[in-house]
């Protein structure tokens, strides 16, 4: 079953965070077991608040990725750019459809 982690955070330094995400994507290119999709949402009512949806093939893949020291370093760098604490929500993906 696919797994999605939602990270709820606030920042005024989104450009720097996006660069960290892009660097991580380059480093993990061709590697198996990492995230398969990333979606970034911006709260229209709070311009500093964002939701990042990170999709994995499974919960187990997500946990292996979480244990990777490189993931820990990236999380620290991202956390330093956040205002306050990040909130993590772990979800099993039951359905996803493209609506036309």
PDB file of N, CA and C in Angstrom:
ATOM      1  N   UNK A   1       0.848  -1.178   0.000  1.00  0.00           N
ATOM      2  CA  UNK A   1       0.000   0.000   0.000  1.00  0.00           C
ATOM      3  C   UNK A   1       0.888   1.234   0.000  1.00  0.00           C
ATOM      4  N   UNK A   2       0.553   2.194  -0.860  1.00  0.00           N
ATOM      5  CA  UNK A   2       1.318   3.437  -0.907  1.00  0.00           C
ATOM      6  C   UNK A   2       1.118   4.209   0.397  1.00  0.00           C
ATOM      7  N   UNK A   3       2.111   5.017   0.715  1.00  0.00           N
ATOM      8  CA  UNK A   3       2.156   5.752   1.977  1.00  0.00           C
ATOM      9  C   UNK A   3       2.475   7.209   1.666  1.00  0.00           C
ATOM     10  N   UNK A   4       1.809   8.123   2.365  1.00  0.00           N
ATOM     11  CA  UNK A   4       2.060   9.556   2.199  1.00  0.00           C
ATOM     12  C   UNK A   4       2.309  10.173   3.568  1.00  0.00           C
ATOM     13  N   UNK A   5       3.379  10.934   3.657  1.00  0.00           N
ATOM     14  CA  UNK A   5       3.632  11.706   4.870  1.00  0.00           C
ATOM     15  C   UNK A   5       3.339  13.164   4.538  1.00  0.00           C
ATOM     16  N   UNK A   6       2.528  13.789   5.377  1.00  0.00           N
ATOM     17  CA  UNK A   6       2.193  15.199   5.209  1.00  0.00           C
ATOM     18  C   UNK A   6       2.991  15.977   6.257  1.00  0.00           C
ATOM     19  N   UNK A   7       3.738  16.964   5.796  1.00  0.00           N
ATOM     20  CA  UNK A   7       4.533  17.808   6.694  1.00  0.00           C
ATOM     21  C   UNK A   7       3.934  19.209   6.638  1.00  0.00           C
ATOM     22  N   UNK A   8       3.430  19.660   7.771  1.00  0.00           N
ATOM     23  CA  UNK A   8       2.795  20.965   7.913  1.00  0.00           C
ATOM     24  C   UNK A   8       3.830  21.884   8.560  1.00  0.00           C
ATOM     25  N   UNK A   9       4.183  22.979   7.879  1.00  0.00           N
ATOM     26  CA  UNK A   9       5.230  23.850   8.411  1.00  0.00           C
ATOM     27  C   UNK A   9       5.004  25.292   7.981  1.00  0.00           C
ATOM     28  N   UNK A  10       5.682  26.191   8.672  1.00  0.00           N
ATOM     29  CA  UNK A  10       5.676  27.606   8.320  1.00  0.00           C
ATOM     30  C   UNK A  10       7.102  28.054   8.056  1.00  0.00           C
ATOM     31  N   UNK A  11       7.245  28.924   7.060  1.00  0.00           N
ATOM     32  CA  UNK A  11       8.560  29.475   6.746  1.00  0.00           C
ATOM     33  C   UNK A  11       8.401  30.781   5.982  1.00  0.00           C
ATOM     34  N   UNK A  12       9.410  31.594   6.048  1.00  0.00           N
ATOM     35  CA  UNK A  12       9.520  32.778   5.199  1.00  0.00           C
ATOM     36  C   UNK A  12      10.700  32.597   4.253  1.00  0.00           C
ATOM     37  N   UNK A  13      11.245  31.376   4.214  1.00  0.00           N
ATOM     38  CA  UNK A  13      12.446  31.090   3.426  1.00  0.00           C
ATOM     39  C   UNK A  13      12.207  29.901   2.483  1.00  0.00           C
ATOM     40  N   UNK A  14      11.079  29.929   1.789  1.00  0.00           N
ATOM     41  CA  UNK A  14      10.697  28.823   0.922  1.00  0.00           C
ATOM     42  C   UNK A  14      11.710  28.589  -0.198  1.00  0.00           C
ATOM     43  N   UNK A  15      12.265  29.646  -0.770  1.00  0.00           N
ATOM     44  CA  UNK A  15      13.236  29.471  -1.854  1.00  0.00           C
ATOM     45  C   UNK A  15      14.418  28.625  -1.407  1.00  0.00           C
ATOM     46  N   UNK A  16      14.908  28.858  -0.198  1.00  0.00           N
ATOM     47  CA  UNK A  16      16.023  28.070   0.333  1.00  0.00           C
ATOM     48  C   UNK A  16      15.604  26.617   0.557  1.00  0.00           C
ATOM     49  N   UNK A  17      14.381  26.424   1.029  1.00  0.00           N
ATOM     50  CA  UNK A  17      13.877  25.063   1.255  1.00  0.00           C
ATOM     51  C   UNK A  17      13.741  24.327  -0.073  1.00  0.00           C
ATOM     52  N   UNK A  18      13.228  25.002  -1.093  1.00  0.00           N
ATOM     53  CA  UNK A  18      13.081  24.382  -2.416  1.00  0.00           C
ATOM     54  C   UNK A  18      14.441  23.934  -2.951  1.00  0.00           C
ATOM     55  N   UNK A  19      15.477  24.713  -2.704  1.00  0.00           N
ATOM     56  CA  UNK A  19      16.819  24.341  -3.166  1.00  0.00           C
ATOM     57  C   UNK A  19      17.293  23.061  -2.464  1.00  0.00           C
ATOM     58  N   UNK A  20      17.004  22.938  -1.183  1.00  0.00           N
ATOM     59  CA  UNK A  20      17.366  21.721  -0.443  1.00  0.00           C
ATOM     60  C   UNK A  20      16.632  20.520  -1.031  1.00  0.00           C
ATOM     61  N   UNK A  21      15.336  20.679  -1.340  1.00  0.00           N
ATOM     62  CA  UNK A  21      14.571  19.596  -1.960  1.00  0.00           C
ATOM     63  C   UNK A  21      15.173  19.209  -3.315  1.00  0.00           C
ATOM     64  N   UNK A  22      15.517  20.194  -4.128  1.00  0.00           N
ATOM     65  CA  UNK A  22      16.090  19.915  -5.455  1.00  0.00           C
ATOM     66  C   UNK A  22      17.436  19.215  -5.337  1.00  0.00           C
ATOM     67  N   UNK A  23      18.265  19.648  -4.386  1.00  0.00           N
ATOM     68  CA  UNK A  23      19.555  18.986  -4.168  1.00  0.00           C
ATOM     69  C   UNK A  23      19.346  17.529  -3.765  1.00  0.00           C
ATOM     70  N   UNK A  24      18.376  17.275  -2.899  1.00  0.00           N
ATOM     71  CA  UNK A  24      18.079  15.909  -2.452  1.00  0.00           C
ATOM     72  C   UNK A  24      17.586  15.053  -3.613  1.00  0.00           C
ATOM     73  N   UNK A  25      16.755  15.630  -4.469  1.00  0.00           N
ATOM     74  CA  UNK A  25      16.256  14.890  -5.631  1.00  0.00           C
ATOM     75  C   UNK A  25      17.397  14.502  -6.554  1.00  0.00           C
ATOM     76  N   UNK A  26      18.359  15.397  -6.758  1.00  0.00           N
ATOM     77  CA  UNK A  26      19.519  15.085  -7.605  1.00  0.00           C
ATOM     78  C   UNK A  26      20.357  13.963  -6.993  1.00  0.00           C
ATOM     79  N   UNK A  27      20.565  14.031  -5.686  1.00  0.00           N
ATOM     80  CA  UNK A  27      21.380  13.004  -5.013  1.00  0.00           C
ATOM     81  C   UNK A  27      20.716  11.635  -5.041  1.00  0.00           C
ATOM     82  N   UNK A  28      19.390  11.604  -5.003  1.00  0.00           N
ATOM     83  CA  UNK A  28      18.696  10.321  -4.935  1.00  0.00           C
ATOM     84  C   UNK A  28      18.269   9.795  -6.303  1.00  0.00           C
ATOM     85  N   UNK A  29      18.596  10.509  -7.364  1.00  0.00           N
ATOM     86  CA  UNK A  29      18.207  10.075  -8.715  1.00  0.00           C
ATOM     87  C   UNK A  29      18.760   8.670  -8.979  1.00  0.00           C
ATOM     88  N   UNK A  30      17.886   7.791  -9.440  1.00  0.00           N
ATOM     89  CA  UNK A  30      18.288   6.422  -9.754  1.00  0.00           C
ATOM     90  C   UNK A  30      18.333   5.489  -8.569  1.00  0.00           C
ATOM     91  N   UNK A  31      18.171   6.012  -7.375  1.00  0.00           N
ATOM     92  CA  UNK A  31      18.188   5.197  -6.156  1.00  0.00           C
ATOM     93  C   UNK A  31      16.781   4.681  -5.882  1.00  0.00           C
ATOM     94  N   UNK A  32      16.663   3.463  -5.435  1.00  0.00           N
ATOM     95  CA  UNK A  32      15.346   2.926  -5.112  1.00  0.00           C
ATOM     96  C   UNK A  32      15.027   3.164  -3.641  1.00  0.00           C
ATOM     97  N   UNK A  33      13.731   3.185  -3.345  1.00  0.00           N
ATOM     98  CA  UNK A  33      13.301   3.261  -1.952  1.00  0.00           C
ATOM     99  C   UNK A  33      13.021   4.636  -1.409  1.00  0.00           C
ATOM    100  N   UNK A  34      13.314   5.670  -2.159  1.00  0.00           N
ATOM    101  CA  UNK A  34      13.041   7.016  -1.677  1.00  0.00           C
ATOM    102  C   UNK A  34      11.647   7.462  -2.052  1.00  0.00           C
ATOM    103  N   UNK A  35      11.359   8.729  -1.847  1.00  0.00           N
ATOM    104  CA  UNK A  35      10.048   9.252  -2.213  1.00  0.00           C
ATOM    105  C   UNK A  35       9.801   9.097  -3.711  1.00  0.00           C
ATOM    106  N   UNK A  36       8.538   8.873  -4.072  1.00  0.00           N
ATOM    107  CA  UNK A  36       8.184   8.750  -5.484  1.00  0.00           C
ATOM    108  C   UNK A  36       7.520  10.021  -6.010  1.00  0.00           C
ATOM    109  N   UNK A  37       6.876  10.797  -5.148  1.00  0.00           N
ATOM    110  CA  UNK A  37       6.227  12.047  -5.533  1.00  0.00           C
ATOM    111  C   UNK A  37       6.323  13.041  -4.384  1.00  0.00           C
ATOM    112  N   UNK A  38       6.355  14.307  -4.762  1.00  0.00           N
ATOM    113  CA  UNK A  38       6.314  15.384  -3.766  1.00  0.00           C
ATOM    114  C   UNK A  38       5.348  16.435  -4.273  1.00  0.00           C
ATOM    115  N   UNK A  39       4.431  16.846  -3.413  1.00  0.00           N
ATOM    116  CA  UNK A  39       3.490  17.911  -3.727  1.00  0.00           C
ATOM    117  C   UNK A  39       3.623  18.965  -2.644  1.00  0.00           C
ATOM    118  N   UNK A  40       3.700  20.218  -3.047  1.00  0.00           N
ATOM    119  CA  UNK A  40       3.813  21.311  -2.085  1.00  0.00           C
ATOM    120  C   UNK A  40       2.598  22.210  -2.228  1.00  0.00           C
ATOM    121  N   UNK A  41       1.913  22.425  -1.119  1.00  0.00           N
ATOM    122  CA  UNK A  41       0.721  23.271  -1.081  1.00  0.00           C
ATOM    123  C   UNK A  41       0.992  24.504  -0.223  1.00  0.00           C
ATOM    124  N   UNK A  42       0.431  25.645  -0.629  1.00  0.00           N
ATOM    125  CA  UNK A  42       0.548  26.881   0.150  1.00  0.00           C
ATOM    126  C   UNK A  42      -0.828  27.258   0.672  1.00  0.00           C
ATOM    127  N   UNK A  43      -0.906  27.557   1.940  1.00  0.00           N
ATOM    128  CA  UNK A  43      -2.150  27.976   2.588  1.00  0.00           C
ATOM    129  C   UNK A  43      -2.508  29.391   2.096  1.00  0.00           C
ATOM    130  N   UNK A  44      -3.651  29.536   1.494  1.00  0.00           N
ATOM    131  CA  UNK A  44      -4.062  30.848   0.972  1.00  0.00           C
ATOM    132  C   UNK A  44      -4.392  31.829   2.091  1.00  0.00           C
ATOM    133  N   UNK A  45      -4.755  31.319   3.269  1.00  0.00           N
ATOM    134  CA  UNK A  45      -5.127  32.193   4.378  1.00  0.00           C
ATOM    135  C   UNK A  45      -3.948  32.562   5.270  1.00  0.00           C
ATOM    136  N   UNK A  46      -2.866  31.809   5.193  1.00  0.00           N
ATOM    137  CA  UNK A  46      -1.665  32.078   5.977  1.00  0.00           C
ATOM    138  C   UNK A  46      -0.478  31.937   5.026  1.00  0.00           C
ATOM    139  N   UNK A  47       0.051  33.034   4.502  1.00  0.00           N
ATOM    140  CA  UNK A  47       1.082  32.966   3.465  1.00  0.00           C
ATOM    141  C   UNK A  47       2.414  32.361   3.910  1.00  0.00           C
ATOM    142  N   UNK A  48       2.588  32.108   5.198  1.00  0.00           N
ATOM    143  CA  UNK A  48       3.819  31.461   5.679  1.00  0.00           C
ATOM    144  C   UNK A  48       3.647  29.957   5.865  1.00  0.00           C
ATOM    145  N   UNK A  49       2.419  29.439   5.717  1.00  0.00           N
ATOM    146  CA  UNK A  49       2.129  28.036   6.012  1.00  0.00           C
ATOM    147  C   UNK A  49       2.089  27.199   4.729  1.00  0.00           C
ATOM    148  N   UNK A  50       2.727  26.023   4.811  1.00  0.00           N
ATOM    149  CA  UNK A  50       2.807  25.107   3.677  1.00  0.00           C
ATOM    150  C   UNK A  50       2.524  23.684   4.149  1.00  0.00           C
ATOM    151  N   UNK A  51       2.094  22.860   3.207  1.00  0.00           N
ATOM    152  CA  UNK A  51       1.924  21.424   3.437  1.00  0.00           C
ATOM    153  C   UNK A  51       2.710  20.710   2.346  1.00  0.00           C
ATOM    154  N   UNK A  52       3.626  19.872   2.742  1.00  0.00           N
ATOM    155  CA  UNK A  52       4.376  19.048   1.794  1.00  0.00           C
ATOM    156  C   UNK A  52       3.843  17.627   1.900  1.00  0.00           C
ATOM    157  N   UNK A  53       3.432  17.065   0.773  1.00  0.00           N
ATOM    158  CA  UNK A  53       2.946  15.682   0.719  1.00  0.00           C
ATOM    159  C   UNK A  53       4.036  14.859   0.047  1.00  0.00           C
ATOM    160  N   UNK A  54       4.611  13.921   0.789  1.00  0.00           N
ATOM    161  CA  UNK A  54       5.709  13.100   0.289  1.00  0.00           C
ATOM    162  C   UNK A  54       5.196  11.669   0.161  1.00  0.00           C
ATOM    163  N   UNK A  55       5.189  11.145  -1.065  1.00  0.00           N
ATOM    164  CA  UNK A  55       4.626   9.819  -1.323  1.00  0.00           C
ATOM    165  C   UNK A  55       5.733   8.778  -1.479  1.00  0.00           C
ATOM    166  N   UNK A  56       5.477   7.593  -0.915  1.00  0.00           N
ATOM    167  CA  UNK A  56       6.389   6.448  -0.993  1.00  0.00           C
ATOM    168  C   UNK A  56       5.603   5.233  -1.480  1.00  0.00           C
ATOM    169  N   UNK A  57       6.308   4.249  -1.980  1.00  0.00           N
ATOM    170  CA  UNK A  57       5.662   3.010  -2.420  1.00  0.00           C
ATOM    171  C   UNK A  57       5.009   2.267  -1.253  1.00  0.00           C
ATOM    172  N   UNK A  58       5.571   2.420  -0.048  1.00  0.00           N
ATOM    173  CA  UNK A  58       5.022   1.732   1.120  1.00  0.00           C
ATOM    174  C   UNK A  58       5.504   2.420   2.397  1.00  0.00           C
ATOM    175  N   UNK A  59       4.860   2.078   3.501  1.00  0.00           N
ATOM    176  CA  UNK A  59       5.290   2.568   4.812  1.00  0.00           C
ATOM    177  C   UNK A  59       6.708   2.101   5.100  1.00  0.00           C
ATOM    178  N   UNK A  60       7.002   0.830   4.779  1.00  0.00           N
ATOM    179  CA  UNK A  60       8.347   0.291   5.030  1.00  0.00           C
ATOM    180  C   UNK A  60       9.413   1.079   4.269  1.00  0.00           C
ATOM    181  N   UNK A  61       9.126   1.431   3.012  1.00  0.00           N
ATOM    182  CA  UNK A  61      10.084   2.236   2.233  1.00  0.00           C
ATOM    183  C   UNK A  61      10.291   3.597   2.902  1.00  0.00           C
ATOM    184  N   UNK A  62       9.215   4.186   3.383  1.00  0.00           N
ATOM    185  CA  UNK A  62       9.315   5.487   4.051  1.00  0.00           C
ATOM    186  C   UNK A  62      10.175   5.389   5.306  1.00  0.00           C
ATOM    187  N   UNK A  63      10.010   4.315   6.065  1.00  0.00           N
ATOM    188  CA  UNK A  63      10.790   4.154   7.293  1.00  0.00           C
ATOM    189  C   UNK A  63      12.269   3.920   6.977  1.00  0.00           C
ATOM    190  N   UNK A  64      12.554   3.159   5.931  1.00  0.00           N
ATOM    191  CA  UNK A  64      13.960   2.971   5.519  1.00  0.00           C
ATOM    192  C   UNK A  64      14.555   4.313   5.094  1.00  0.00           C
ATOM    193  N   UNK A  65      13.795   5.094   4.358  1.00  0.00           N
ATOM    194  CA  UNK A  65      14.265   6.411   3.938  1.00  0.00           C
ATOM    195  C   UNK A  65      14.504   7.301   5.155  1.00  0.00           C
ATOM    196  N   UNK A  66      13.613   7.225   6.127  1.00  0.00           N
ATOM    197  CA  UNK A  66      13.728   8.035   7.334  1.00  0.00           C
ATOM    198  C   UNK A  66      14.991   7.704   8.127  1.00  0.00           C
ATOM    199  N   UNK A  67      15.418   6.446   8.060  1.00  0.00           N
ATOM    200  CA  UNK A  67      16.611   6.004   8.796  1.00  0.00           C
ATOM    201  C   UNK A  67      17.912   6.370   8.092  1.00  0.00           C
ATOM    202  N   UNK A  68      17.841   6.799   6.843  1.00  0.00           N
ATOM    203  CA  UNK A  68      19.026   7.173   6.071  1.00  0.00           C
ATOM    204  C   UNK A  68      19.641   8.435   6.687  1.00  0.00           C
ATOM    205  N   UNK A  69      20.935   8.420   7.003  1.00  0.00           N
ATOM    206  CA  UNK A  69      21.575   9.605   7.598  1.00  0.00           C
ATOM    207  C   UNK A  69      21.430  10.865   6.733  1.00  0.00           C
ATOM    208  N   UNK A  70      21.422  10.703   5.427  1.00  0.00           N
ATOM    209  CA  UNK A  70      21.255  11.858   4.530  1.00  0.00           C
ATOM    210  C   UNK A  70      19.881  12.499   4.718  1.00  0.00           C
ATOM    211  N   UNK A  71      18.864  11.673   4.937  1.00  0.00           N
ATOM    212  CA  UNK A  71      17.518  12.198   5.195  1.00  0.00           C
ATOM    213  C   UNK A  71      17.514  12.991   6.490  1.00  0.00           C
ATOM    214  N   UNK A  72      18.197  12.498   7.509  1.00  0.00           N
ATOM    215  CA  UNK A  72      18.288  13.213   8.781  1.00  0.00           C
ATOM    216  C   UNK A  72      18.964  14.560   8.633  1.00  0.00           C
ATOM    217  N   UNK A  73      20.040  14.600   7.851  1.00  0.00           N
ATOM    218  CA  UNK A  73      20.736  15.878   7.628  1.00  0.00           C
ATOM    219  C   UNK A  73      19.833  16.866   6.877  1.00  0.00           C
ATOM    220  N   UNK A  74      19.106  16.349   5.879  1.00  0.00           N
ATOM    221  CA  UNK A  74      18.202  17.217   5.129  1.00  0.00           C
ATOM    222  C   UNK A  74      17.103  17.762   6.049  1.00  0.00           C
ATOM    223  N   UNK A  75      16.556  16.913   6.899  1.00  0.00           N
ATOM    224  CA  UNK A  75      15.494  17.342   7.820  1.00  0.00           C
ATOM    225  C   UNK A  75      16.004  18.431   8.772  1.00  0.00           C
ATOM    226  N   UNK A  76      17.232  18.310   9.222  1.00  0.00           N
ATOM    227  CA  UNK A  76      17.817  19.338  10.089  1.00  0.00           C
ATOM    228  C   UNK A  76      17.937  20.664   9.355  1.00  0.00           C
ATOM    229  N   UNK A  77      18.432  20.609   8.124  1.00  0.00           N
ATOM    230  CA  UNK A  77      18.582  21.836   7.329  1.00  0.00           C
ATOM    231  C   UNK A  77      17.223  22.489   7.074  1.00  0.00           C
ATOM    232  N   UNK A  78      16.219  21.677   6.752  1.00  0.00           N
ATOM    233  CA  UNK A  78      14.883  22.213   6.522  1.00  0.00           C
ATOM    234  C   UNK A  78      14.290  22.787   7.809  1.00  0.00           C
ATOM    235  N   UNK A  79      14.482  22.086   8.917  1.00  0.00           N
ATOM    236  CA  UNK A  79      13.964  22.540  10.200  1.00  0.00           C
ATOM    237  C   UNK A  79      14.521  23.887  10.608  1.00  0.00           C
ATOM    238  N   UNK A  80      15.776  24.138  10.263  1.00  0.00           N
ATOM    239  CA  UNK A  80      16.403  25.421  10.600  1.00  0.00           C
ATOM    240  C   UNK A  80      15.765  26.582   9.839  1.00  0.00           C
ATOM    241  N   UNK A  81      15.079  26.277   8.737  1.00  0.00           N
ATOM    242  CA  UNK A  81      14.438  27.323   7.932  1.00  0.00           C
ATOM    243  C   UNK A  81      12.969  27.526   8.290  1.00  0.00           C
ATOM    244  N   UNK A  82      12.469  26.696   9.217  1.00  0.00           N
ATOM    245  CA  UNK A  82      11.054  26.764   9.612  1.00  0.00           C
ATOM    246  C   UNK A  82      10.846  27.722  10.772  1.00  0.00           C
ATOM    247  N   UNK A  83       9.625  28.225  10.834  1.00  0.00           N
ATOM    248  CA  UNK A  83       9.185  29.019  11.979  1.00  0.00           C
ATOM    249  C   UNK A  83       8.388  28.052  12.855  1.00  0.00           C
ATOM    250  N   UNK A  84       8.819  27.844  14.073  1.00  0.00           N
ATOM    251  CA  UNK A  84       8.118  26.924  14.963  1.00  0.00           C
ATOM    252  C   UNK A  84       8.352  25.468  14.577  1.00  0.00           C
ATOM    253  N   UNK A  85       7.514  24.610  15.110  1.00  0.00           N
ATOM    254  CA  UNK A  85       7.652  23.167  14.917  1.00  0.00           C
ATOM    255  C   UNK A  85       6.920  22.695  13.667  1.00  0.00           C
ATOM    256  N   UNK A  86       7.454  21.653  13.067  1.00  0.00           N
ATOM    257  CA  UNK A  86       6.767  20.989  11.959  1.00  0.00           C
ATOM    258  C   UNK A  86       5.825  19.942  12.540  1.00  0.00           C
ATOM    259  N   UNK A  87       4.722  19.704  11.854  1.00  0.00           N
ATOM    260  CA  UNK A  87       3.761  18.685  12.266  1.00  0.00           C
ATOM    261  C   UNK A  87       3.736  17.621  11.169  1.00  0.00           C
ATOM    262  N   UNK A  88       3.920  16.368  11.576  1.00  0.00           N
ATOM    263  CA  UNK A  88       3.948  15.244  10.628  1.00  0.00           C
ATOM    264  C   UNK A  88       2.667  14.426  10.782  1.00  0.00           C
ATOM    265  N   UNK A  89       2.058  14.091   9.653  1.00  0.00           N
ATOM    266  CA  UNK A  89       0.885  13.220   9.636  1.00  0.00           C
ATOM    267  C   UNK A  89       1.181  12.072   8.685  1.00  0.00           C
ATOM    268  N   UNK A  90       1.047  10.837   9.154  1.00  0.00           N
ATOM    269  CA  UNK A  90       1.346   9.649   8.361  1.00  0.00           C
ATOM    270  C   UNK A  90       0.050   9.021   7.874  1.00  0.00           C
ATOM    271  N   UNK A  91      -0.035   8.789   6.554  1.00  0.00           N
ATOM    272  CA  UNK A  91      -1.273   8.331   5.944  1.00  0.00           C
ATOM    273  C   UNK A  91      -1.038   7.160   4.992  1.00  0.00           C
ATOM    274  N   UNK A  92      -1.935   6.195   5.002  1.00  0.00           N
ATOM    275  CA  UNK A  92      -1.989   5.181   3.961  1.00  0.00           C
ATOM    276  C   UNK A  92      -2.818   5.759   2.832  1.00  0.00           C
ATOM    277  N   UNK A  93      -2.329   5.622   1.609  1.00  0.00           N
ATOM    278  CA  UNK A  93      -3.042   6.133   0.444  1.00  0.00           C
ATOM    279  C   UNK A  93      -4.057   5.099  -0.014  1.00  0.00           C
ATOM    280  N   UNK A  94      -5.319   5.392   0.191  1.00  0.00           N
ATOM    281  CA  UNK A  94      -6.384   4.454  -0.158  1.00  0.00           C
ATOM    282  C   UNK A  94      -6.863   4.625  -1.590  1.00  0.00           C
ATOM    283  N   UNK A  95      -6.845   5.872  -2.093  1.00  0.00           N
ATOM    284  CA  UNK A  95      -7.341   6.107  -3.438  1.00  0.00           C
ATOM    285  C   UNK A  95      -6.731   7.397  -3.965  1.00  0.00           C
ATOM    286  N   UNK A  96      -6.374   7.376  -5.232  1.00  0.00           N
ATOM    287  CA  UNK A  96      -5.927   8.590  -5.928  1.00  0.00           C
ATOM    288  C   UNK A  96      -6.411   8.481  -7.360  1.00  0.00           C
ATOM    289  N   UNK A  97      -7.054   9.521  -7.830  1.00  0.00           N
ATOM    290  CA  UNK A  97      -7.586   9.516  -9.192  1.00  0.00           C
ATOM    291  C   UNK A  97      -7.340  10.865  -9.830  1.00  0.00           C
ATOM    292  N   UNK A  98      -7.148  10.844 -11.118  1.00  0.00           N
ATOM    293  CA  UNK A  98      -7.091  12.092 -11.862  1.00  0.00           C
ATOM    294  C   UNK A  98      -8.493  12.314 -12.411  1.00  0.00           C
ATOM    295  N   UNK A  99      -9.096  13.419 -12.021  1.00  0.00           N
ATOM    296  CA  UNK A  99     -10.458  13.712 -12.441  1.00  0.00           C
ATOM    297  C   UNK A  99     -10.438  14.571 -13.691  1.00  0.00           C
ATOM    298  N   UNK A 100     -11.298  14.250 -14.610  1.00  0.00           N
ATOM    299  CA  UNK A 100     -11.320  15.020 -15.866  1.00  0.00           C
ATOM    300  C   UNK A 100     -12.609  15.749 -16.033  1.00  0.00           C
TER     301      UNK A 100
END
